[in-house]
Amino acid sequence: MVFELPELPYPRDALAPHISKETLDYHYGKHHQSYLDKLNAEVSDSKFEGKSLEDIIRTAKGGLFNNAAQVWNHSFYWHCLSPQGGGAATGPIATAINDAFGSFDEFKDKFTSTAAGNFGSGWTWLVKNSDGGLAIVNTSNADTPLTDAAVTPLLTVDVWEHAYYIDYRNARPKYLDAFWALVNWEFVNSNYS
């Protein structure tokens, strides 16, 4: 079994002006593809051949883990964005956010400051804990909450520089402002339920 690059859920120019087609050409077309190519090379003729991506992430170490997790993280991230997204949370996740953080604005401020302060390269996540409560967590490099059976990933933002350097250079806060104009609350609600 060879892993394939999943189709984006929108055309590459659909997130502009917040995320340009050029960024998606590089981020999706080059970076995501590169993780996938390395994953396929490492899995071929190994004990991981035929395993699901999730199984590999939960059991592999080193480079194989990094490439598998980056493939999964990026695939998840693309679905967190939508050209019809943005605005305040809606549906059941809106209630859960208000319960956990006091208001959507307080959640947005905390998520943004956590992502802006995520040192180096990594990801910032909204997760649902096993007790149903919500939390914001940072992961470094390729780490993912998928390795923690006690949490369910709901939303992520990629804070590796390749996610924003074309459009925003090194201005991560500007990229995070743009992120909020694209959040796909339908996808977050489907993960929450």
N, C-alpha and C. Protein backbone atom coordinates (compact mmCIF):
# COMPACT_ATOMS: atom_id res chain seq x y z
N MET A 1 0.85 -1.18 0.00
CA MET A 1 0.00 0.00 0.00
C MET A 1 0.89 1.24 0.00
N VAL A 2 0.61 2.14 -0.91
CA VAL A 2 1.33 3.40 -0.99
C VAL A 2 0.38 4.51 -0.53
N PHE A 3 0.87 5.35 0.36
CA PHE A 3 0.07 6.49 0.79
C PHE A 3 0.07 7.54 -0.31
N GLU A 4 -1.07 8.18 -0.49
CA GLU A 4 -1.22 9.19 -1.53
C GLU A 4 -1.56 10.53 -0.91
N LEU A 5 -1.14 11.59 -1.59
CA LEU A 5 -1.45 12.94 -1.13
C LEU A 5 -2.95 13.16 -1.27
N PRO A 6 -3.65 13.44 -0.17
CA PRO A 6 -5.09 13.66 -0.29
C PRO A 6 -5.38 14.96 -1.02
N GLU A 7 -6.45 14.97 -1.77
CA GLU A 7 -6.85 16.19 -2.46
C GLU A 7 -7.19 17.27 -1.44
N LEU A 8 -6.84 18.50 -1.75
CA LEU A 8 -7.30 19.61 -0.92
C LEU A 8 -8.82 19.72 -1.05
N PRO A 9 -9.50 20.16 0.01
CA PRO A 9 -10.96 20.29 -0.07
C PRO A 9 -11.42 21.57 -0.76
N TYR A 10 -10.52 22.25 -1.45
CA TYR A 10 -10.81 23.50 -2.16
C TYR A 10 -9.69 23.72 -3.17
N PRO A 11 -9.93 24.57 -4.18
CA PRO A 11 -8.85 24.90 -5.12
C PRO A 11 -7.71 25.63 -4.41
N ARG A 12 -6.51 25.53 -4.98
CA ARG A 12 -5.34 26.12 -4.33
C ARG A 12 -5.41 27.64 -4.19
N ASP A 13 -6.24 28.30 -5.00
CA ASP A 13 -6.36 29.76 -4.88
C ASP A 13 -7.54 30.20 -4.02
N ALA A 14 -8.25 29.25 -3.44
CA ALA A 14 -9.52 29.56 -2.76
C ALA A 14 -9.35 30.25 -1.40
N LEU A 15 -8.18 30.17 -0.79
CA LEU A 15 -7.99 30.77 0.54
C LEU A 15 -7.44 32.19 0.47
N ALA A 16 -7.15 32.66 -0.75
CA ALA A 16 -6.66 34.03 -0.92
C ALA A 16 -7.76 35.02 -0.55
N PRO A 17 -7.43 36.16 0.00
CA PRO A 17 -6.10 36.73 0.17
C PRO A 17 -5.40 36.31 1.48
N HIS A 18 -6.03 35.51 2.28
CA HIS A 18 -5.48 35.17 3.60
C HIS A 18 -4.29 34.22 3.48
N ILE A 19 -4.43 33.21 2.62
CA ILE A 19 -3.33 32.30 2.31
C ILE A 19 -3.30 32.19 0.79
N SER A 20 -2.18 32.56 0.21
CA SER A 20 -2.09 32.66 -1.25
C SER A 20 -1.95 31.29 -1.92
N LYS A 21 -2.24 31.28 -3.21
CA LYS A 21 -2.02 30.09 -4.02
C LYS A 21 -0.54 29.71 -3.98
N GLU A 22 0.35 30.69 -4.00
CA GLU A 22 1.78 30.41 -3.97
C GLU A 22 2.15 29.66 -2.68
N THR A 23 1.58 30.09 -1.56
CA THR A 23 1.84 29.38 -0.30
C THR A 23 1.34 27.94 -0.39
N LEU A 24 0.13 27.74 -0.90
CA LEU A 24 -0.39 26.37 -1.01
C LEU A 24 0.42 25.54 -2.00
N ASP A 25 0.90 26.16 -3.07
CA ASP A 25 1.76 25.43 -4.00
C ASP A 25 2.99 24.88 -3.29
N TYR A 26 3.58 25.67 -2.41
CA TYR A 26 4.76 25.22 -1.68
C TYR A 26 4.41 24.36 -0.47
N HIS A 27 3.46 24.83 0.34
CA HIS A 27 3.15 24.15 1.60
C HIS A 27 2.52 22.78 1.33
N TYR A 28 1.51 22.77 0.49
CA TYR A 28 0.84 21.50 0.15
C TYR A 28 1.61 20.75 -0.93
N GLY A 29 1.92 21.44 -2.02
CA GLY A 29 2.49 20.78 -3.17
C GLY A 29 3.93 20.32 -3.00
N LYS A 30 4.69 21.01 -2.15
CA LYS A 30 6.10 20.64 -1.94
C LYS A 30 6.33 20.02 -0.56
N HIS A 31 6.00 20.75 0.51
CA HIS A 31 6.29 20.26 1.87
C HIS A 31 5.48 19.01 2.21
N HIS A 32 4.16 19.09 2.06
CA HIS A 32 3.31 17.94 2.38
C HIS A 32 3.69 16.75 1.49
N GLN A 33 3.91 17.02 0.21
CA GLN A 33 4.30 15.95 -0.71
C GLN A 33 5.63 15.32 -0.30
N SER A 34 6.57 16.13 0.15
CA SER A 34 7.88 15.62 0.56
C SER A 34 7.76 14.70 1.77
N TYR A 35 6.95 15.07 2.76
CA TYR A 35 6.74 14.18 3.91
C TYR A 35 6.14 12.86 3.44
N LEU A 36 5.21 12.94 2.50
CA LEU A 36 4.56 11.74 1.98
C LEU A 36 5.55 10.85 1.24
N ASP A 37 6.39 11.45 0.40
CA ASP A 37 7.37 10.68 -0.35
C ASP A 37 8.35 9.97 0.59
N LYS A 38 8.81 10.68 1.62
CA LYS A 38 9.73 10.08 2.59
C LYS A 38 9.04 8.97 3.37
N LEU A 39 7.78 9.19 3.74
CA LEU A 39 7.02 8.15 4.44
C LEU A 39 6.92 6.89 3.59
N ASN A 40 6.54 7.03 2.34
CA ASN A 40 6.41 5.86 1.46
C ASN A 40 7.73 5.12 1.30
N ALA A 41 8.83 5.87 1.20
CA ALA A 41 10.14 5.23 1.06
C ALA A 41 10.50 4.45 2.32
N GLU A 42 10.19 5.00 3.49
CA GLU A 42 10.54 4.33 4.75
C GLU A 42 9.65 3.12 5.05
N VAL A 43 8.39 3.20 4.64
CA VAL A 43 7.44 2.12 4.92
C VAL A 43 7.67 0.92 4.00
N SER A 44 8.11 1.18 2.78
CA SER A 44 8.30 0.13 1.80
C SER A 44 9.22 -0.97 2.33
N ASP A 45 8.74 -2.19 2.26
CA ASP A 45 9.50 -3.37 2.70
C ASP A 45 9.90 -3.31 4.18
N SER A 46 9.06 -2.70 4.99
CA SER A 46 9.32 -2.65 6.44
C SER A 46 8.16 -3.31 7.17
N LYS A 47 8.31 -3.45 8.47
CA LYS A 47 7.23 -4.04 9.27
C LYS A 47 5.99 -3.15 9.31
N PHE A 48 6.12 -1.90 8.83
CA PHE A 48 5.00 -0.96 8.84
C PHE A 48 4.20 -1.00 7.53
N GLU A 49 4.70 -1.73 6.57
CA GLU A 49 4.01 -1.81 5.29
C GLU A 49 2.62 -2.42 5.50
N GLY A 50 1.60 -1.78 4.94
CA GLY A 50 0.23 -2.25 5.07
C GLY A 50 -0.50 -1.71 6.29
N LYS A 51 0.21 -1.02 7.18
CA LYS A 51 -0.44 -0.43 8.36
C LYS A 51 -1.07 0.91 8.00
N SER A 52 -2.08 1.29 8.77
CA SER A 52 -2.70 2.59 8.56
C SER A 52 -1.75 3.69 9.02
N LEU A 53 -1.99 4.88 8.53
CA LEU A 53 -1.18 6.03 8.93
C LEU A 53 -1.24 6.23 10.44
N GLU A 54 -2.44 6.09 11.01
CA GLU A 54 -2.61 6.26 12.46
C GLU A 54 -1.83 5.21 13.25
N ASP A 55 -1.84 3.97 12.77
CA ASP A 55 -1.08 2.91 13.45
C ASP A 55 0.42 3.20 13.41
N ILE A 56 0.89 3.68 12.27
CA ILE A 56 2.31 4.03 12.16
C ILE A 56 2.65 5.13 13.15
N ILE A 57 1.82 6.16 13.20
CA ILE A 57 2.08 7.29 14.11
C ILE A 57 2.12 6.81 15.57
N ARG A 58 1.24 5.90 15.92
CA ARG A 58 1.17 5.46 17.32
C ARG A 58 2.28 4.48 17.70
N THR A 59 3.01 3.92 16.72
CA THR A 59 4.01 2.90 17.05
C THR A 59 5.41 3.19 16.55
N ALA A 60 5.57 4.08 15.61
CA ALA A 60 6.89 4.34 15.01
C ALA A 60 7.66 5.37 15.83
N LYS A 61 8.94 5.42 15.57
CA LYS A 61 9.85 6.38 16.21
C LYS A 61 10.69 7.06 15.13
N GLY A 62 11.39 8.10 15.51
CA GLY A 62 12.36 8.75 14.65
C GLY A 62 11.77 9.32 13.38
N GLY A 63 12.52 9.19 12.29
CA GLY A 63 12.12 9.78 11.02
C GLY A 63 10.80 9.25 10.49
N LEU A 64 10.55 7.97 10.68
CA LEU A 64 9.29 7.40 10.21
C LEU A 64 8.11 8.05 10.94
N PHE A 65 8.22 8.18 12.26
CA PHE A 65 7.17 8.88 13.01
C PHE A 65 7.01 10.30 12.50
N ASN A 66 8.11 11.02 12.35
CA ASN A 66 8.05 12.42 11.93
C ASN A 66 7.33 12.58 10.61
N ASN A 67 7.67 11.76 9.63
CA ASN A 67 7.04 11.88 8.32
C ASN A 67 5.58 11.47 8.34
N ALA A 68 5.26 10.39 9.04
CA ALA A 68 3.87 9.96 9.14
C ALA A 68 3.02 11.01 9.86
N ALA A 69 3.54 11.53 10.97
CA ALA A 69 2.78 12.53 11.73
C ALA A 69 2.61 13.82 10.94
N GLN A 70 3.64 14.21 10.20
CA GLN A 70 3.50 15.42 9.40
C GLN A 70 2.50 15.23 8.27
N VAL A 71 2.43 14.06 7.69
CA VAL A 71 1.41 13.79 6.68
C VAL A 71 0.02 13.92 7.31
N TRP A 72 -0.17 13.29 8.47
CA TRP A 72 -1.48 13.34 9.13
C TRP A 72 -1.82 14.76 9.59
N ASN A 73 -0.87 15.43 10.24
CA ASN A 73 -1.11 16.79 10.74
C ASN A 73 -1.51 17.73 9.60
N HIS A 74 -0.79 17.66 8.49
CA HIS A 74 -1.11 18.54 7.37
C HIS A 74 -2.48 18.21 6.77
N SER A 75 -2.77 16.94 6.61
CA SER A 75 -4.09 16.55 6.06
C SER A 75 -5.21 17.08 6.95
N PHE A 76 -5.01 17.00 8.26
CA PHE A 76 -5.99 17.52 9.21
C PHE A 76 -6.09 19.04 9.10
N TYR A 77 -4.95 19.71 9.02
CA TYR A 77 -4.91 21.18 8.94
C TYR A 77 -5.67 21.70 7.73
N TRP A 78 -5.49 21.06 6.56
CA TRP A 78 -6.18 21.57 5.37
C TRP A 78 -7.69 21.60 5.58
N HIS A 79 -8.22 20.64 6.32
CA HIS A 79 -9.66 20.58 6.57
C HIS A 79 -10.11 21.58 7.64
N CYS A 80 -9.17 22.09 8.41
CA CYS A 80 -9.49 23.11 9.40
C CYS A 80 -9.73 24.47 8.75
N LEU A 81 -9.43 24.57 7.47
CA LEU A 81 -9.56 25.82 6.71
C LEU A 81 -10.65 25.69 5.67
N SER A 82 -11.32 26.80 5.40
CA SER A 82 -12.34 26.81 4.37
C SER A 82 -12.49 28.22 3.81
N PRO A 83 -12.69 28.35 2.49
CA PRO A 83 -12.95 29.68 1.94
C PRO A 83 -14.26 30.28 2.48
N GLN A 84 -15.15 29.42 2.96
CA GLN A 84 -16.40 29.90 3.56
C GLN A 84 -16.32 29.92 5.08
N GLY A 85 -15.13 29.78 5.62
CA GLY A 85 -14.95 29.70 7.07
C GLY A 85 -14.82 31.06 7.72
N GLY A 86 -14.34 31.02 8.94
CA GLY A 86 -14.11 32.24 9.70
C GLY A 86 -15.27 32.62 10.58
N GLY A 87 -15.09 33.72 11.27
CA GLY A 87 -16.10 34.19 12.19
C GLY A 87 -16.05 33.42 13.49
N ALA A 88 -17.01 33.71 14.34
CA ALA A 88 -17.09 33.03 15.63
C ALA A 88 -17.55 31.59 15.44
N ALA A 89 -17.18 30.76 16.40
CA ALA A 89 -17.60 29.36 16.38
C ALA A 89 -19.12 29.27 16.35
N THR A 90 -19.62 28.20 15.73
CA THR A 90 -21.05 27.95 15.66
C THR A 90 -21.32 26.52 16.12
N GLY A 91 -22.57 26.21 16.37
CA GLY A 91 -22.97 24.85 16.72
C GLY A 91 -22.50 24.43 18.10
N PRO A 92 -22.46 23.12 18.34
CA PRO A 92 -22.11 22.60 19.66
C PRO A 92 -20.73 23.06 20.15
N ILE A 93 -19.76 23.24 19.23
CA ILE A 93 -18.43 23.66 19.67
C ILE A 93 -18.48 25.07 20.25
N ALA A 94 -19.39 25.90 19.78
CA ALA A 94 -19.51 27.26 20.33
C ALA A 94 -19.89 27.20 21.81
N THR A 95 -20.83 26.35 22.14
CA THR A 95 -21.23 26.18 23.54
C THR A 95 -20.08 25.64 24.37
N ALA A 96 -19.38 24.64 23.84
CA ALA A 96 -18.25 24.05 24.56
C ALA A 96 -17.14 25.07 24.78
N ILE A 97 -16.88 25.90 23.78
CA ILE A 97 -15.85 26.95 23.91
C ILE A 97 -16.26 27.96 24.98
N ASN A 98 -17.51 28.38 24.96
CA ASN A 98 -17.98 29.32 25.98
C ASN A 98 -17.87 28.73 27.37
N ASP A 99 -18.22 27.46 27.52
CA ASP A 99 -18.12 26.79 28.82
C ASP A 99 -16.67 26.70 29.29
N ALA A 100 -15.76 26.40 28.38
CA ALA A 100 -14.36 26.18 28.75
C ALA A 100 -13.57 27.46 28.93
N PHE A 101 -13.87 28.48 28.11
CA PHE A 101 -13.02 29.67 28.08
C PHE A 101 -13.74 30.96 28.47
N GLY A 102 -15.05 30.90 28.67
CA GLY A 102 -15.80 32.09 29.07
C GLY A 102 -16.49 32.78 27.92
N SER A 103 -15.84 32.83 26.77
CA SER A 103 -16.42 33.44 25.57
C SER A 103 -15.56 33.05 24.38
N PHE A 104 -16.11 33.25 23.20
CA PHE A 104 -15.32 32.96 22.00
C PHE A 104 -14.11 33.88 21.93
N ASP A 105 -14.31 35.16 22.25
CA ASP A 105 -13.18 36.10 22.18
C ASP A 105 -12.06 35.71 23.13
N GLU A 106 -12.40 35.25 24.31
CA GLU A 106 -11.35 34.81 25.25
C GLU A 106 -10.63 33.57 24.71
N PHE A 107 -11.39 32.65 24.14
CA PHE A 107 -10.78 31.47 23.51
C PHE A 107 -9.84 31.89 22.39
N LYS A 108 -10.33 32.76 21.50
CA LYS A 108 -9.53 33.19 20.34
C LYS A 108 -8.24 33.86 20.81
N ASP A 109 -8.34 34.71 21.81
CA ASP A 109 -7.13 35.38 22.34
C ASP A 109 -6.15 34.37 22.92
N LYS A 110 -6.67 33.39 23.67
CA LYS A 110 -5.78 32.39 24.29
C LYS A 110 -5.15 31.48 23.24
N PHE A 111 -5.94 31.04 22.28
CA PHE A 111 -5.41 30.18 21.22
C PHE A 111 -4.34 30.93 20.42
N THR A 112 -4.64 32.18 20.07
CA THR A 112 -3.69 32.99 19.29
C THR A 112 -2.40 33.22 20.06
N SER A 113 -2.50 33.58 21.34
CA SER A 113 -1.28 33.84 22.11
C SER A 113 -0.48 32.55 22.33
N THR A 114 -1.18 31.43 22.49
CA THR A 114 -0.50 30.14 22.64
C THR A 114 0.24 29.79 21.35
N ALA A 115 -0.41 29.98 20.20
CA ALA A 115 0.21 29.69 18.91
C ALA A 115 1.36 30.64 18.62
N ALA A 116 1.19 31.91 18.94
CA ALA A 116 2.26 32.88 18.70
C ALA A 116 3.48 32.57 19.56
N GLY A 117 3.24 32.02 20.75
CA GLY A 117 4.32 31.71 21.68
C GLY A 117 4.87 30.30 21.57
N ASN A 118 4.35 29.52 20.62
CA ASN A 118 4.84 28.15 20.42
C ASN A 118 6.25 28.25 19.86
N PHE A 119 7.24 27.91 20.69
CA PHE A 119 8.63 28.13 20.33
C PHE A 119 9.06 27.24 19.16
N GLY A 120 9.69 27.85 18.19
CA GLY A 120 10.21 27.08 17.06
C GLY A 120 9.10 26.62 16.14
N SER A 121 9.25 25.43 15.60
CA SER A 121 8.29 24.88 14.65
C SER A 121 7.35 23.92 15.35
N GLY A 122 6.10 23.93 14.95
CA GLY A 122 5.16 23.02 15.56
C GLY A 122 3.72 23.33 15.20
N TRP A 123 2.85 22.95 16.09
CA TRP A 123 1.41 23.03 15.88
C TRP A 123 0.74 23.49 17.17
N THR A 124 -0.38 24.20 17.03
CA THR A 124 -1.22 24.53 18.19
C THR A 124 -2.59 23.92 17.91
N TRP A 125 -3.13 23.26 18.94
CA TRP A 125 -4.34 22.45 18.80
C TRP A 125 -5.41 22.85 19.80
N LEU A 126 -6.66 22.75 19.39
CA LEU A 126 -7.79 22.68 20.31
C LEU A 126 -8.14 21.21 20.37
N VAL A 127 -8.16 20.66 21.59
CA VAL A 127 -8.47 19.24 21.77
C VAL A 127 -9.61 19.07 22.76
N LYS A 128 -10.29 17.94 22.62
CA LYS A 128 -11.31 17.54 23.59
C LYS A 128 -10.69 16.46 24.46
N ASN A 129 -10.70 16.68 25.76
CA ASN A 129 -10.18 15.70 26.71
C ASN A 129 -11.19 14.58 26.90
N SER A 130 -10.75 13.49 27.50
CA SER A 130 -11.63 12.34 27.70
C SER A 130 -12.84 12.67 28.57
N ASP A 131 -12.73 13.71 29.42
CA ASP A 131 -13.87 14.12 30.25
C ASP A 131 -14.82 15.07 29.51
N GLY A 132 -14.53 15.35 28.24
CA GLY A 132 -15.38 16.23 27.43
C GLY A 132 -14.95 17.68 27.45
N GLY A 133 -14.05 18.05 28.35
CA GLY A 133 -13.57 19.43 28.41
C GLY A 133 -12.61 19.74 27.28
N LEU A 134 -12.41 21.01 27.04
CA LEU A 134 -11.54 21.46 25.97
C LEU A 134 -10.22 21.98 26.53
N ALA A 135 -9.18 21.88 25.73
CA ALA A 135 -7.87 22.42 26.11
C ALA A 135 -7.15 22.87 24.85
N ILE A 136 -6.25 23.83 25.03
CA ILE A 136 -5.37 24.29 23.97
C ILE A 136 -3.99 23.76 24.29
N VAL A 137 -3.37 23.09 23.31
CA VAL A 137 -2.05 22.51 23.54
C VAL A 137 -1.13 22.83 22.37
N ASN A 138 0.14 23.03 22.69
CA ASN A 138 1.18 23.16 21.68
C ASN A 138 1.89 21.83 21.53
N THR A 139 2.28 21.52 20.30
CA THR A 139 3.19 20.41 20.06
C THR A 139 4.36 20.95 19.25
N SER A 140 5.49 20.32 19.40
CA SER A 140 6.69 20.73 18.69
C SER A 140 6.95 19.81 17.51
N ASN A 141 7.56 20.37 16.50
CA ASN A 141 7.97 19.60 15.33
C ASN A 141 6.81 18.80 14.77
N ALA A 142 6.90 17.48 14.68
CA ALA A 142 5.83 16.66 14.11
C ALA A 142 4.89 16.10 15.16
N ASP A 143 5.13 16.39 16.43
CA ASP A 143 4.27 15.81 17.47
C ASP A 143 2.81 16.13 17.22
N THR A 144 1.96 15.22 17.65
CA THR A 144 0.53 15.32 17.38
C THR A 144 -0.26 14.74 18.55
N PRO A 145 -1.43 15.30 18.85
CA PRO A 145 -2.25 14.72 19.91
C PRO A 145 -2.79 13.34 19.56
N LEU A 146 -2.63 12.93 18.33
CA LEU A 146 -3.09 11.60 17.92
C LEU A 146 -2.41 10.50 18.73
N THR A 147 -1.25 10.80 19.30
CA THR A 147 -0.53 9.80 20.09
C THR A 147 -1.06 9.70 21.52
N ASP A 148 -1.99 10.56 21.90
CA ASP A 148 -2.56 10.57 23.25
C ASP A 148 -4.01 10.09 23.18
N ALA A 149 -4.27 8.89 23.64
CA ALA A 149 -5.62 8.32 23.56
C ALA A 149 -6.63 9.08 24.40
N ALA A 150 -6.17 9.95 25.29
CA ALA A 150 -7.08 10.69 26.17
C ALA A 150 -7.61 11.97 25.54
N VAL A 151 -7.15 12.31 24.33
CA VAL A 151 -7.63 13.55 23.70
C VAL A 151 -8.05 13.29 22.26
N THR A 152 -8.94 14.15 21.78
CA THR A 152 -9.40 14.13 20.39
C THR A 152 -9.04 15.47 19.77
N PRO A 153 -8.24 15.49 18.70
CA PRO A 153 -7.94 16.76 18.04
C PRO A 153 -9.19 17.33 17.37
N LEU A 154 -9.42 18.62 17.57
CA LEU A 154 -10.58 19.29 16.99
C LEU A 154 -10.20 20.31 15.93
N LEU A 155 -9.11 21.05 16.19
CA LEU A 155 -8.69 22.16 15.33
C LEU A 155 -7.19 22.31 15.48
N THR A 156 -6.51 22.66 14.40
CA THR A 156 -5.09 22.96 14.52
C THR A 156 -4.70 24.11 13.62
N VAL A 157 -3.61 24.76 14.00
CA VAL A 157 -2.95 25.73 13.14
C VAL A 157 -1.48 25.33 13.06
N ASP A 158 -0.97 25.33 11.85
CA ASP A 158 0.43 25.00 11.59
C ASP A 158 1.26 26.25 11.85
N VAL A 159 2.21 26.19 12.78
CA VAL A 159 3.07 27.34 13.03
C VAL A 159 4.52 27.09 12.60
N TRP A 160 4.72 26.12 11.72
CA TRP A 160 6.01 26.01 11.04
C TRP A 160 6.10 27.21 10.08
N GLU A 161 7.29 27.76 9.90
CA GLU A 161 7.42 28.94 9.03
C GLU A 161 6.95 28.67 7.60
N HIS A 162 7.04 27.42 7.13
CA HIS A 162 6.62 27.17 5.75
C HIS A 162 5.13 27.41 5.56
N ALA A 163 4.36 27.51 6.65
CA ALA A 163 2.92 27.78 6.56
C ALA A 163 2.64 29.25 6.23
N TYR A 164 3.61 30.12 6.49
CA TYR A 164 3.29 31.55 6.35
C TYR A 164 4.40 32.44 5.80
N TYR A 165 5.61 31.91 5.58
CA TYR A 165 6.71 32.81 5.24
C TYR A 165 6.54 33.51 3.89
N ILE A 166 5.88 32.91 2.92
CA ILE A 166 5.68 33.57 1.62
C ILE A 166 4.74 34.76 1.78
N ASP A 167 3.64 34.57 2.50
CA ASP A 167 2.64 35.63 2.62
C ASP A 167 2.96 36.65 3.71
N TYR A 168 3.57 36.19 4.79
CA TYR A 168 3.72 37.05 5.96
C TYR A 168 5.17 37.16 6.45
N ARG A 169 6.13 36.62 5.68
CA ARG A 169 7.54 36.58 6.07
C ARG A 169 7.66 35.95 7.45
N ASN A 170 8.25 36.62 8.41
CA ASN A 170 8.40 36.03 9.74
C ASN A 170 7.35 36.53 10.72
N ALA A 171 6.28 37.13 10.23
CA ALA A 171 5.25 37.73 11.08
C ALA A 171 4.16 36.71 11.41
N ARG A 172 4.47 35.80 12.32
CA ARG A 172 3.50 34.78 12.71
C ARG A 172 2.19 35.38 13.20
N PRO A 173 2.18 36.47 14.00
CA PRO A 173 0.90 37.04 14.45
C PRO A 173 -0.02 37.47 13.31
N LYS A 174 0.54 37.99 12.21
CA LYS A 174 -0.29 38.38 11.07
C LYS A 174 -0.92 37.14 10.42
N TYR A 175 -0.14 36.08 10.31
CA TYR A 175 -0.66 34.82 9.79
C TYR A 175 -1.79 34.30 10.68
N LEU A 176 -1.61 34.39 11.98
CA LEU A 176 -2.65 33.90 12.90
C LEU A 176 -3.92 34.73 12.78
N ASP A 177 -3.80 36.02 12.58
CA ASP A 177 -4.99 36.85 12.33
C ASP A 177 -5.73 36.36 11.08
N ALA A 178 -4.97 36.05 10.03
CA ALA A 178 -5.57 35.56 8.79
C ALA A 178 -6.23 34.19 8.99
N PHE A 179 -5.62 33.35 9.82
CA PHE A 179 -6.16 32.02 10.10
C PHE A 179 -7.61 32.10 10.57
N TRP A 180 -7.92 33.07 11.43
CA TRP A 180 -9.28 33.17 11.98
C TRP A 180 -10.32 33.51 10.92
N ALA A 181 -9.90 34.04 9.79
CA ALA A 181 -10.84 34.32 8.70
C ALA A 181 -11.18 33.07 7.90
N LEU A 182 -10.50 31.95 8.20
CA LEU A 182 -10.65 30.73 7.40
C LEU A 182 -11.11 29.51 8.20
N VAL A 183 -11.21 29.60 9.52
CA VAL A 183 -11.49 28.41 10.33
C VAL A 183 -12.80 27.76 9.89
N ASN A 184 -12.72 26.46 9.66
CA ASN A 184 -13.85 25.66 9.19
C ASN A 184 -14.58 25.08 10.40
N TRP A 185 -15.56 25.82 10.92
CA TRP A 185 -16.27 25.38 12.14
C TRP A 185 -17.09 24.13 11.91
N GLU A 186 -17.51 23.87 10.67
CA GLU A 186 -18.24 22.62 10.38
C GLU A 186 -17.32 21.43 10.65
N PHE A 187 -16.07 21.52 10.20
CA PHE A 187 -15.11 20.44 10.44
C PHE A 187 -14.83 20.29 11.94
N VAL A 188 -14.66 21.41 12.63
CA VAL A 188 -14.41 21.34 14.07
C VAL A 188 -15.59 20.70 14.78
N ASN A 189 -16.81 21.06 14.41
CA ASN A 189 -17.99 20.44 15.01
C ASN A 189 -18.06 18.95 14.72
N SER A 190 -17.68 18.53 13.51
CA SER A 190 -17.72 17.10 13.20
C SER A 190 -16.70 16.34 14.05
N ASN A 191 -15.56 16.94 14.32
CA ASN A 191 -14.56 16.30 15.20
C ASN A 191 -15.05 16.29 16.65
N TYR A 192 -15.74 17.34 17.05
CA TYR A 192 -16.22 17.44 18.43
C TYR A 192 -17.28 16.40 18.72
N SER A 193 -18.15 16.13 17.74
CA SER A 193 -19.22 15.17 17.98
C SER A 193 -18.74 13.76 17.74
